[in-house]
Amino acid sequence: MKKRKKIKIRRSRRRRASPRAGTKKRIKFIRRSNLRKKINRKKKSRKRKIIRKVKDSSGKIYYGLNPKFEFLGELKNLILTPPPASFNRMAKRISGLGKVKLALVSGVFLNKENVADLLIVGNDIDRRRFKKFLETLEAEVGTQLLYAIMDKEEFSYRRAMFDRFVRLMLEGPHEVLIDRIGL
């Protein structure tokens, strides 16, 4: 019969302030085969890596984001969702476009699906300024934005008639930047 080798693993505890406590060391004996099994289990259960390495048929190596990464959704939300401070800055820029009564952001700005990304309700909105504002905003976000501009009367009428577009914008996930109507 073969002798089994034992490996000592020492775990020391922090020394306590009281002199009575002294220092104790624990010694735990684990068989080598069990130790290998535990190490292999730890390797398999490691969290998936963020970056993955892929070789194509010609032998070139490419690196990319691992879709199996455990916290991929949280990472996307962290990167893509703008902080509230940028919403305040956006509200100031929108209020400079004219007499804006209501401004809502949704869709791309909140990483949620909705019928439009931006809804502006107001009178005397300068179209040229709005176009420049929209171009800079699209450059910041990195995608083309879906938007709607209405005057106050049209918005009130559509809201009273339960218009599908207005209803979906107000019932869906959205963030109110400017509210002078009193939603």
N, C-alpha and C. Protein backbone atom coordinates (compact mmCIF):
# COMPACT_ATOMS: atom_id res chain seq x y z
N MET A 1 0.83 -1.18 0.00
CA MET A 1 0.00 0.00 0.00
C MET A 1 0.87 1.25 0.00
N LYS A 2 0.51 2.20 -0.88
CA LYS A 2 1.31 3.41 -1.01
C LYS A 2 1.02 4.37 0.12
N LYS A 3 2.06 5.08 0.48
CA LYS A 3 1.87 6.13 1.48
C LYS A 3 1.38 7.38 0.78
N ARG A 4 0.45 8.02 1.37
CA ARG A 4 -0.08 9.25 0.80
C ARG A 4 0.64 10.44 1.41
N LYS A 5 1.05 11.34 0.54
CA LYS A 5 1.73 12.53 1.03
C LYS A 5 0.68 13.55 1.44
N LYS A 6 0.99 14.25 2.48
CA LYS A 6 0.09 15.28 2.97
C LYS A 6 0.77 16.63 2.84
N ILE A 7 -0.01 17.60 2.51
CA ILE A 7 0.51 18.95 2.35
C ILE A 7 -0.06 19.80 3.47
N LYS A 8 0.81 20.60 4.06
CA LYS A 8 0.36 21.48 5.14
C LYS A 8 0.02 22.85 4.55
N ILE A 9 -1.14 23.32 4.91
CA ILE A 9 -1.54 24.68 4.54
C ILE A 9 -1.74 25.44 5.83
N ARG A 10 -1.03 26.52 5.96
CA ARG A 10 -1.10 27.28 7.21
C ARG A 10 -1.90 28.56 6.98
N ARG A 11 -2.76 28.78 7.89
CA ARG A 11 -3.52 30.03 7.89
C ARG A 11 -3.29 30.69 9.23
N SER A 12 -2.72 31.83 9.23
CA SER A 12 -2.45 32.51 10.50
C SER A 12 -3.51 33.57 10.72
N ARG A 13 -3.89 33.72 11.94
CA ARG A 13 -4.85 34.76 12.30
C ARG A 13 -4.09 36.00 12.73
N ARG A 14 -4.77 37.10 12.66
CA ARG A 14 -4.18 38.36 13.08
C ARG A 14 -3.94 38.33 14.57
N ARG A 15 -2.84 38.88 15.02
CA ARG A 15 -2.55 38.89 16.46
C ARG A 15 -3.50 39.83 17.16
N ARG A 16 -3.98 39.37 18.25
CA ARG A 16 -4.92 40.19 19.03
C ARG A 16 -4.15 41.03 20.03
N ALA A 17 -4.81 42.07 20.47
CA ALA A 17 -4.16 43.01 21.37
C ALA A 17 -3.98 42.43 22.77
N SER A 18 -4.88 41.55 23.20
CA SER A 18 -4.79 41.03 24.57
C SER A 18 -3.68 39.99 24.68
N PRO A 19 -2.92 40.03 25.78
CA PRO A 19 -1.81 39.08 25.92
C PRO A 19 -2.28 37.65 26.16
N ARG A 20 -3.52 37.49 26.68
CA ARG A 20 -4.03 36.15 26.95
C ARG A 20 -4.33 35.37 25.67
N ALA A 21 -4.74 36.11 24.63
CA ALA A 21 -5.15 35.45 23.40
C ALA A 21 -3.98 34.71 22.75
N GLY A 22 -2.80 35.30 22.77
CA GLY A 22 -1.64 34.64 22.16
C GLY A 22 -1.81 34.53 20.66
N THR A 23 -1.01 33.72 20.06
CA THR A 23 -1.15 33.49 18.62
C THR A 23 -1.40 32.02 18.39
N LYS A 24 -2.40 31.76 17.59
CA LYS A 24 -2.72 30.38 17.23
C LYS A 24 -2.58 30.23 15.74
N LYS A 25 -2.08 29.12 15.33
CA LYS A 25 -2.00 28.82 13.91
C LYS A 25 -2.78 27.56 13.66
N ARG A 26 -3.53 27.61 12.59
CA ARG A 26 -4.29 26.42 12.22
C ARG A 26 -3.53 25.65 11.16
N ILE A 27 -3.50 24.40 11.31
CA ILE A 27 -2.88 23.54 10.30
C ILE A 27 -3.95 22.60 9.81
N LYS A 28 -4.11 22.61 8.50
CA LYS A 28 -5.13 21.75 7.91
C LYS A 28 -4.44 20.84 6.90
N PHE A 29 -4.70 19.57 6.98
CA PHE A 29 -4.08 18.61 6.09
C PHE A 29 -5.04 18.28 4.95
N ILE A 30 -4.54 18.38 3.74
CA ILE A 30 -5.33 18.05 2.56
C ILE A 30 -4.50 17.11 1.70
N ARG A 31 -5.16 16.12 1.18
CA ARG A 31 -4.46 15.21 0.27
C ARG A 31 -4.14 15.91 -1.03
N ARG A 32 -3.05 15.52 -1.65
CA ARG A 32 -2.60 16.15 -2.89
C ARG A 32 -3.66 16.01 -3.99
N SER A 33 -4.29 14.84 -4.10
CA SER A 33 -5.31 14.64 -5.14
C SER A 33 -6.51 15.56 -4.91
N ASN A 34 -6.91 15.71 -3.67
CA ASN A 34 -8.02 16.62 -3.35
C ASN A 34 -7.65 18.07 -3.65
N LEU A 35 -6.41 18.40 -3.38
CA LEU A 35 -5.94 19.75 -3.65
C LEU A 35 -6.00 20.06 -5.14
N ARG A 36 -5.58 19.12 -5.98
CA ARG A 36 -5.63 19.31 -7.43
C ARG A 36 -7.07 19.47 -7.90
N LYS A 37 -7.98 18.67 -7.34
CA LYS A 37 -9.39 18.78 -7.72
C LYS A 37 -9.94 20.17 -7.37
N LYS A 38 -9.58 20.66 -6.18
CA LYS A 38 -10.06 21.98 -5.76
C LYS A 38 -9.51 23.08 -6.65
N ILE A 39 -8.24 22.96 -7.00
CA ILE A 39 -7.63 23.97 -7.87
C ILE A 39 -8.29 23.95 -9.24
N ASN A 40 -8.54 22.77 -9.79
CA ASN A 40 -9.19 22.67 -11.10
C ASN A 40 -10.61 23.23 -11.06
N ARG A 41 -11.33 22.98 -9.97
CA ARG A 41 -12.68 23.53 -9.83
C ARG A 41 -12.64 25.06 -9.80
N LYS A 42 -11.66 25.61 -9.11
CA LYS A 42 -11.52 27.07 -9.03
C LYS A 42 -11.23 27.65 -10.40
N LYS A 43 -10.38 26.96 -11.17
CA LYS A 43 -10.06 27.44 -12.51
C LYS A 43 -11.30 27.47 -13.39
N LYS A 44 -12.12 26.43 -13.30
CA LYS A 44 -13.32 26.35 -14.14
C LYS A 44 -14.37 27.38 -13.72
N SER A 45 -14.44 27.67 -12.44
CA SER A 45 -15.49 28.56 -11.96
C SER A 45 -15.06 30.03 -11.96
N ARG A 46 -13.89 30.33 -12.48
CA ARG A 46 -13.46 31.72 -12.57
C ARG A 46 -14.45 32.53 -13.38
N LYS A 47 -14.54 33.80 -13.04
CA LYS A 47 -15.42 34.70 -13.79
C LYS A 47 -14.90 34.80 -15.22
N ARG A 48 -15.80 34.92 -16.13
CA ARG A 48 -15.40 35.05 -17.53
C ARG A 48 -14.67 36.38 -17.73
N LYS A 49 -13.74 36.39 -18.64
CA LYS A 49 -12.96 37.59 -18.88
C LYS A 49 -13.73 38.55 -19.79
N ILE A 50 -13.40 39.83 -19.68
CA ILE A 50 -14.07 40.85 -20.47
C ILE A 50 -13.64 40.76 -21.93
N ILE A 51 -12.35 40.63 -22.14
CA ILE A 51 -11.81 40.58 -23.51
C ILE A 51 -11.57 39.13 -23.89
N ARG A 52 -11.96 38.79 -25.11
CA ARG A 52 -11.69 37.43 -25.57
C ARG A 52 -10.78 37.49 -26.80
N LYS A 53 -10.04 36.42 -26.97
CA LYS A 53 -9.07 36.32 -28.05
C LYS A 53 -9.59 35.29 -29.04
N VAL A 54 -9.64 35.66 -30.32
CA VAL A 54 -10.19 34.77 -31.35
C VAL A 54 -9.20 34.69 -32.51
N LYS A 55 -8.94 33.47 -32.97
CA LYS A 55 -8.10 33.27 -34.15
C LYS A 55 -9.01 32.95 -35.32
N ASP A 56 -8.72 33.56 -36.47
CA ASP A 56 -9.49 33.21 -37.66
C ASP A 56 -8.76 32.12 -38.44
N SER A 57 -9.29 31.73 -39.58
CA SER A 57 -8.73 30.61 -40.34
C SER A 57 -7.33 30.90 -40.87
N SER A 58 -7.00 32.18 -41.10
CA SER A 58 -5.67 32.50 -41.60
C SER A 58 -4.63 32.61 -40.49
N GLY A 59 -5.06 32.53 -39.25
CA GLY A 59 -4.14 32.56 -38.13
C GLY A 59 -4.01 33.92 -37.47
N LYS A 60 -4.73 34.93 -37.98
CA LYS A 60 -4.69 36.25 -37.37
C LYS A 60 -5.46 36.23 -36.05
N ILE A 61 -4.95 36.97 -35.10
CA ILE A 61 -5.57 37.03 -33.77
C ILE A 61 -6.34 38.34 -33.65
N TYR A 62 -7.58 38.23 -33.21
CA TYR A 62 -8.44 39.39 -32.99
C TYR A 62 -8.88 39.40 -31.54
N TYR A 63 -9.02 40.59 -30.99
CA TYR A 63 -9.51 40.75 -29.64
C TYR A 63 -10.85 41.47 -29.69
N GLY A 64 -11.75 41.06 -28.83
CA GLY A 64 -13.06 41.70 -28.81
C GLY A 64 -13.73 41.51 -27.46
N LEU A 65 -14.87 42.12 -27.31
CA LEU A 65 -15.65 42.03 -26.08
C LEU A 65 -16.31 40.66 -26.00
N ASN A 66 -16.18 40.03 -24.85
CA ASN A 66 -16.74 38.70 -24.65
C ASN A 66 -18.24 38.82 -24.36
N PRO A 67 -19.10 38.27 -25.22
CA PRO A 67 -20.54 38.37 -24.97
C PRO A 67 -21.00 37.53 -23.78
N LYS A 68 -20.18 36.61 -23.31
CA LYS A 68 -20.54 35.78 -22.16
C LYS A 68 -20.08 36.39 -20.84
N PHE A 69 -19.50 37.60 -20.90
CA PHE A 69 -19.03 38.25 -19.68
C PHE A 69 -20.20 38.48 -18.74
N GLU A 70 -19.99 38.15 -17.50
CA GLU A 70 -21.07 38.13 -16.51
C GLU A 70 -21.72 39.49 -16.28
N PHE A 71 -20.94 40.55 -16.32
CA PHE A 71 -21.45 41.88 -16.01
C PHE A 71 -21.49 42.78 -17.24
N LEU A 72 -21.73 42.20 -18.40
CA LEU A 72 -21.74 42.96 -19.65
C LEU A 72 -22.86 44.00 -19.66
N GLY A 73 -24.04 43.64 -19.21
CA GLY A 73 -25.17 44.59 -19.18
C GLY A 73 -24.89 45.78 -18.28
N GLU A 74 -24.33 45.51 -17.10
CA GLU A 74 -24.02 46.59 -16.17
C GLU A 74 -22.94 47.49 -16.73
N LEU A 75 -21.97 46.89 -17.41
CA LEU A 75 -20.89 47.67 -18.01
C LEU A 75 -21.44 48.59 -19.11
N LYS A 76 -22.34 48.07 -19.94
CA LYS A 76 -22.95 48.89 -20.98
C LYS A 76 -23.73 50.05 -20.38
N ASN A 77 -24.51 49.76 -19.32
CA ASN A 77 -25.28 50.82 -18.67
C ASN A 77 -24.36 51.89 -18.09
N LEU A 78 -23.25 51.46 -17.52
CA LEU A 78 -22.31 52.41 -16.93
C LEU A 78 -21.71 53.32 -17.98
N ILE A 79 -21.38 52.75 -19.12
CA ILE A 79 -20.72 53.52 -20.17
C ILE A 79 -21.72 54.36 -20.96
N LEU A 80 -22.87 53.80 -21.31
CA LEU A 80 -23.79 54.48 -22.22
C LEU A 80 -24.77 55.43 -21.56
N THR A 81 -25.13 55.22 -20.31
CA THR A 81 -26.09 56.10 -19.66
C THR A 81 -25.40 57.38 -19.22
N PRO A 82 -25.86 58.51 -19.71
CA PRO A 82 -25.21 59.77 -19.32
C PRO A 82 -25.55 60.13 -17.88
N PRO A 83 -24.65 60.78 -17.18
CA PRO A 83 -24.93 61.19 -15.80
C PRO A 83 -25.96 62.31 -15.76
N PRO A 84 -26.61 62.50 -14.61
CA PRO A 84 -27.62 63.56 -14.50
C PRO A 84 -27.07 64.95 -14.79
N ALA A 85 -25.79 65.17 -14.55
CA ALA A 85 -25.20 66.49 -14.82
C ALA A 85 -25.28 66.82 -16.30
N SER A 86 -25.12 65.82 -17.17
CA SER A 86 -25.21 66.09 -18.60
C SER A 86 -26.66 66.37 -19.01
N PHE A 87 -27.63 65.79 -18.28
CA PHE A 87 -29.03 66.12 -18.54
C PHE A 87 -29.29 67.59 -18.21
N ASN A 88 -28.70 68.08 -17.13
CA ASN A 88 -28.86 69.50 -16.78
C ASN A 88 -28.26 70.40 -17.86
N ARG A 89 -27.08 70.01 -18.36
CA ARG A 89 -26.43 70.77 -19.41
C ARG A 89 -27.27 70.75 -20.69
N MET A 90 -27.86 69.59 -20.99
CA MET A 90 -28.71 69.46 -22.17
C MET A 90 -29.96 70.33 -22.01
N ALA A 91 -30.52 70.38 -20.81
CA ALA A 91 -31.72 71.19 -20.58
C ALA A 91 -31.42 72.67 -20.81
N LYS A 92 -30.25 73.12 -20.40
CA LYS A 92 -29.87 74.52 -20.63
C LYS A 92 -29.73 74.80 -22.12
N ARG A 93 -29.14 73.87 -22.84
CA ARG A 93 -28.97 74.05 -24.28
C ARG A 93 -30.33 74.04 -25.00
N ILE A 94 -31.26 73.20 -24.55
CA ILE A 94 -32.59 73.14 -25.17
C ILE A 94 -33.38 74.41 -24.88
N SER A 95 -33.27 74.92 -23.65
CA SER A 95 -34.03 76.13 -23.31
C SER A 95 -33.56 77.34 -24.11
N GLY A 96 -32.35 77.28 -24.65
CA GLY A 96 -31.84 78.37 -25.48
C GLY A 96 -32.36 78.32 -26.91
N LEU A 97 -33.12 77.30 -27.26
CA LEU A 97 -33.63 77.17 -28.63
C LEU A 97 -34.87 78.01 -28.90
N GLY A 98 -35.57 78.42 -27.86
CA GLY A 98 -36.80 79.18 -28.02
C GLY A 98 -37.62 79.08 -26.75
N LYS A 99 -38.94 79.28 -26.88
CA LYS A 99 -39.83 79.18 -25.73
C LYS A 99 -40.25 77.72 -25.53
N VAL A 100 -39.39 76.97 -24.90
CA VAL A 100 -39.61 75.53 -24.71
C VAL A 100 -40.46 75.31 -23.46
N LYS A 101 -41.56 74.59 -23.63
CA LYS A 101 -42.47 74.29 -22.52
C LYS A 101 -42.22 72.91 -21.91
N LEU A 102 -41.79 71.96 -22.76
CA LEU A 102 -41.58 70.59 -22.31
C LEU A 102 -40.45 69.96 -23.11
N ALA A 103 -39.57 69.26 -22.42
CA ALA A 103 -38.50 68.52 -23.09
C ALA A 103 -38.35 67.17 -22.40
N LEU A 104 -38.47 66.10 -23.17
CA LEU A 104 -38.33 64.74 -22.66
C LEU A 104 -37.22 64.03 -23.41
N VAL A 105 -36.43 63.23 -22.70
CA VAL A 105 -35.46 62.36 -23.36
C VAL A 105 -35.82 60.92 -23.03
N SER A 106 -35.57 60.06 -23.97
CA SER A 106 -35.90 58.64 -23.81
C SER A 106 -35.04 57.85 -24.77
N GLY A 107 -35.34 56.59 -24.95
CA GLY A 107 -34.67 55.76 -25.94
C GLY A 107 -33.19 55.62 -25.71
N VAL A 108 -32.38 56.17 -26.61
CA VAL A 108 -30.93 56.04 -26.57
C VAL A 108 -30.35 56.59 -25.27
N PHE A 109 -30.90 57.66 -24.76
CA PHE A 109 -30.35 58.31 -23.57
C PHE A 109 -30.52 57.47 -22.31
N LEU A 110 -31.51 56.59 -22.30
CA LEU A 110 -31.76 55.75 -21.12
C LEU A 110 -31.50 54.28 -21.39
N ASN A 111 -31.03 53.94 -22.57
CA ASN A 111 -30.81 52.55 -22.99
C ASN A 111 -32.09 51.73 -22.91
N LYS A 112 -33.18 52.34 -23.27
CA LYS A 112 -34.48 51.67 -23.30
C LYS A 112 -35.09 51.89 -24.67
N GLU A 113 -36.01 51.01 -25.03
CA GLU A 113 -36.72 51.16 -26.30
C GLU A 113 -37.90 52.10 -26.12
N ASN A 114 -38.05 53.04 -27.05
CA ASN A 114 -39.19 53.94 -27.05
C ASN A 114 -39.37 54.45 -28.48
N VAL A 115 -40.49 55.12 -28.74
CA VAL A 115 -40.79 55.55 -30.11
C VAL A 115 -39.87 56.68 -30.58
N ALA A 116 -39.37 57.50 -29.67
CA ALA A 116 -38.47 58.59 -30.04
C ALA A 116 -37.45 58.80 -28.92
N ASP A 117 -36.35 59.46 -29.27
CA ASP A 117 -35.31 59.72 -28.28
C ASP A 117 -35.48 61.10 -27.62
N LEU A 118 -36.11 62.01 -28.35
CA LEU A 118 -36.21 63.38 -27.87
C LEU A 118 -37.55 63.97 -28.28
N LEU A 119 -38.26 64.58 -27.33
CA LEU A 119 -39.53 65.26 -27.61
C LEU A 119 -39.43 66.67 -27.06
N ILE A 120 -39.64 67.65 -27.93
CA ILE A 120 -39.59 69.05 -27.51
C ILE A 120 -40.93 69.69 -27.86
N VAL A 121 -41.54 70.33 -26.86
CA VAL A 121 -42.79 71.04 -27.04
C VAL A 121 -42.53 72.49 -26.72
N GLY A 122 -42.86 73.37 -27.66
CA GLY A 122 -42.64 74.79 -27.42
C GLY A 122 -43.04 75.62 -28.61
N ASN A 123 -43.06 76.92 -28.39
CA ASN A 123 -43.40 77.87 -29.46
C ASN A 123 -42.15 78.65 -29.85
N ASP A 124 -42.10 79.09 -31.09
CA ASP A 124 -41.00 79.91 -31.61
C ASP A 124 -39.64 79.24 -31.43
N ILE A 125 -39.54 77.98 -31.78
CA ILE A 125 -38.27 77.27 -31.69
C ILE A 125 -37.48 77.56 -32.97
N ASP A 126 -36.26 78.05 -32.79
CA ASP A 126 -35.39 78.38 -33.92
C ASP A 126 -34.88 77.09 -34.55
N ARG A 127 -35.32 76.82 -35.78
CA ARG A 127 -34.98 75.56 -36.47
C ARG A 127 -33.48 75.46 -36.77
N ARG A 128 -32.85 76.58 -37.08
CA ARG A 128 -31.42 76.55 -37.40
C ARG A 128 -30.60 76.19 -36.16
N ARG A 129 -30.91 76.82 -35.03
CA ARG A 129 -30.24 76.48 -33.77
C ARG A 129 -30.50 75.04 -33.38
N PHE A 130 -31.75 74.61 -33.60
CA PHE A 130 -32.10 73.23 -33.26
C PHE A 130 -31.30 72.23 -34.10
N LYS A 131 -31.11 72.55 -35.36
CA LYS A 131 -30.35 71.66 -36.25
C LYS A 131 -28.90 71.54 -35.77
N LYS A 132 -28.28 72.66 -35.39
CA LYS A 132 -26.91 72.64 -34.86
C LYS A 132 -26.85 71.85 -33.55
N PHE A 133 -27.83 72.10 -32.68
CA PHE A 133 -27.90 71.38 -31.40
C PHE A 133 -28.02 69.89 -31.64
N LEU A 134 -28.86 69.50 -32.58
CA LEU A 134 -29.08 68.09 -32.88
C LEU A 134 -27.81 67.45 -33.44
N GLU A 135 -27.10 68.15 -34.31
CA GLU A 135 -25.86 67.61 -34.87
C GLU A 135 -24.82 67.36 -33.78
N THR A 136 -24.66 68.30 -32.85
CA THR A 136 -23.69 68.10 -31.76
C THR A 136 -24.12 66.98 -30.83
N LEU A 137 -25.43 66.90 -30.59
CA LEU A 137 -25.95 65.85 -29.71
C LEU A 137 -25.76 64.47 -30.33
N GLU A 138 -26.00 64.36 -31.63
CA GLU A 138 -25.79 63.08 -32.32
C GLU A 138 -24.32 62.70 -32.32
N ALA A 139 -23.43 63.69 -32.43
CA ALA A 139 -22.00 63.42 -32.38
C ALA A 139 -21.59 62.92 -31.00
N GLU A 140 -22.17 63.48 -29.94
CA GLU A 140 -21.86 63.04 -28.57
C GLU A 140 -22.35 61.62 -28.33
N VAL A 141 -23.58 61.34 -28.78
CA VAL A 141 -24.18 60.03 -28.54
C VAL A 141 -23.59 58.98 -29.46
N GLY A 142 -23.32 59.36 -30.70
CA GLY A 142 -22.73 58.44 -31.65
C GLY A 142 -23.74 57.73 -32.54
N THR A 143 -25.00 58.10 -32.47
CA THR A 143 -26.03 57.51 -33.33
C THR A 143 -26.98 58.60 -33.80
N GLN A 144 -27.77 58.26 -34.80
CA GLN A 144 -28.78 59.18 -35.28
C GLN A 144 -29.96 59.15 -34.31
N LEU A 145 -30.49 60.32 -33.98
CA LEU A 145 -31.56 60.43 -33.00
C LEU A 145 -32.92 60.59 -33.68
N LEU A 146 -33.93 59.99 -33.08
CA LEU A 146 -35.31 60.19 -33.50
C LEU A 146 -35.90 61.27 -32.59
N TYR A 147 -36.47 62.31 -33.18
CA TYR A 147 -36.97 63.41 -32.38
C TYR A 147 -38.32 63.88 -32.91
N ALA A 148 -39.01 64.66 -32.07
CA ALA A 148 -40.28 65.27 -32.47
C ALA A 148 -40.35 66.66 -31.85
N ILE A 149 -40.78 67.62 -32.66
CA ILE A 149 -40.98 68.99 -32.19
C ILE A 149 -42.44 69.35 -32.43
N MET A 150 -43.10 69.88 -31.40
CA MET A 150 -44.50 70.28 -31.51
C MET A 150 -44.69 71.62 -30.81
N ASP A 151 -45.73 72.34 -31.23
CA ASP A 151 -46.09 73.51 -30.45
C ASP A 151 -47.04 73.08 -29.33
N LYS A 152 -47.28 73.98 -28.40
CA LYS A 152 -48.04 73.62 -27.20
C LYS A 152 -49.47 73.20 -27.53
N GLU A 153 -50.12 73.85 -28.50
CA GLU A 153 -51.49 73.53 -28.85
C GLU A 153 -51.60 72.12 -29.45
N GLU A 154 -50.67 71.80 -30.33
CA GLU A 154 -50.68 70.47 -30.94
C GLU A 154 -50.47 69.38 -29.89
N PHE A 155 -49.55 69.64 -28.97
CA PHE A 155 -49.29 68.65 -27.91
C PHE A 155 -50.52 68.47 -27.03
N SER A 156 -51.15 69.57 -26.64
CA SER A 156 -52.36 69.48 -25.80
C SER A 156 -53.47 68.73 -26.51
N TYR A 157 -53.66 69.01 -27.81
CA TYR A 157 -54.68 68.32 -28.59
C TYR A 157 -54.38 66.82 -28.67
N ARG A 158 -53.14 66.48 -29.01
CA ARG A 158 -52.76 65.06 -29.13
C ARG A 158 -52.90 64.33 -27.78
N ARG A 159 -52.55 65.02 -26.72
CA ARG A 159 -52.67 64.41 -25.39
C ARG A 159 -54.13 64.18 -25.02
N ALA A 160 -54.99 65.14 -25.36
CA ALA A 160 -56.41 65.02 -25.07
C ALA A 160 -57.06 63.92 -25.91
N MET A 161 -56.56 63.70 -27.13
CA MET A 161 -57.10 62.67 -28.02
C MET A 161 -56.45 61.30 -27.80
N PHE A 162 -55.59 61.19 -26.80
CA PHE A 162 -54.86 59.94 -26.51
C PHE A 162 -54.10 59.44 -27.73
N ASP A 163 -53.39 60.37 -28.36
CA ASP A 163 -52.56 60.03 -29.52
C ASP A 163 -51.54 58.97 -29.11
N ARG A 164 -51.37 58.00 -29.98
CA ARG A 164 -50.50 56.86 -29.65
C ARG A 164 -49.06 57.30 -29.39
N PHE A 165 -48.52 58.17 -30.24
CA PHE A 165 -47.14 58.62 -30.09
C PHE A 165 -46.92 59.31 -28.74
N VAL A 166 -47.78 60.26 -28.43
CA VAL A 166 -47.64 61.01 -27.18
C VAL A 166 -47.84 60.09 -25.98
N ARG A 167 -48.82 59.20 -26.07
CA ARG A 167 -49.09 58.27 -24.98
C ARG A 167 -47.89 57.36 -24.73
N LEU A 168 -47.29 56.83 -25.80
CA LEU A 168 -46.13 55.95 -25.63
C LEU A 168 -44.92 56.70 -25.07
N MET A 169 -44.75 57.93 -25.47
CA MET A 169 -43.63 58.73 -24.93
C MET A 169 -43.81 59.00 -23.44
N LEU A 170 -45.04 59.31 -23.04
CA LEU A 170 -45.28 59.65 -21.64
C LEU A 170 -45.38 58.41 -20.74
N GLU A 171 -45.86 57.30 -21.27
CA GLU A 171 -45.99 56.09 -20.46
C GLU A 171 -44.72 55.27 -20.42
N GLY A 172 -43.89 55.39 -21.46
CA GLY A 172 -42.65 54.63 -21.53
C GLY A 172 -41.59 55.23 -20.63
N PRO A 173 -40.43 54.59 -20.57
CA PRO A 173 -39.35 55.14 -19.75
C PRO A 173 -38.84 56.46 -20.35
N HIS A 174 -38.83 57.50 -19.55
CA HIS A 174 -38.39 58.81 -20.02
C HIS A 174 -37.86 59.62 -18.86
N GLU A 175 -37.15 60.67 -19.19
CA GLU A 175 -36.62 61.61 -18.21
C GLU A 175 -37.07 63.00 -18.62
N VAL A 176 -37.68 63.74 -17.72
CA VAL A 176 -38.18 65.09 -18.02
C VAL A 176 -37.05 66.09 -17.75
N LEU A 177 -36.68 66.84 -18.78
CA LEU A 177 -35.64 67.84 -18.62
C LEU A 177 -36.24 69.21 -18.30
N ILE A 178 -37.28 69.58 -19.03
CA ILE A 178 -37.97 70.86 -18.82
C ILE A 178 -39.46 70.58 -18.75
N ASP A 179 -40.13 71.12 -17.73
CA ASP A 179 -41.58 70.92 -17.60
C ASP A 179 -42.22 72.24 -17.14
N ARG A 180 -42.71 72.99 -18.10
CA ARG A 180 -43.43 74.22 -17.77
C ARG A 180 -44.91 74.08 -18.07
N ILE A 181 -45.33 72.88 -18.46
CA ILE A 181 -46.73 72.59 -18.72
C ILE A 181 -47.40 72.07 -17.46
N GLY A 182 -46.67 71.28 -16.69
CA GLY A 182 -47.21 70.70 -15.47
C GLY A 182 -47.71 69.29 -15.68
N LEU A 183 -46.87 68.43 -16.22
CA LEU A 183 -47.24 67.02 -16.42
C LEU A 183 -47.43 66.43 -15.09
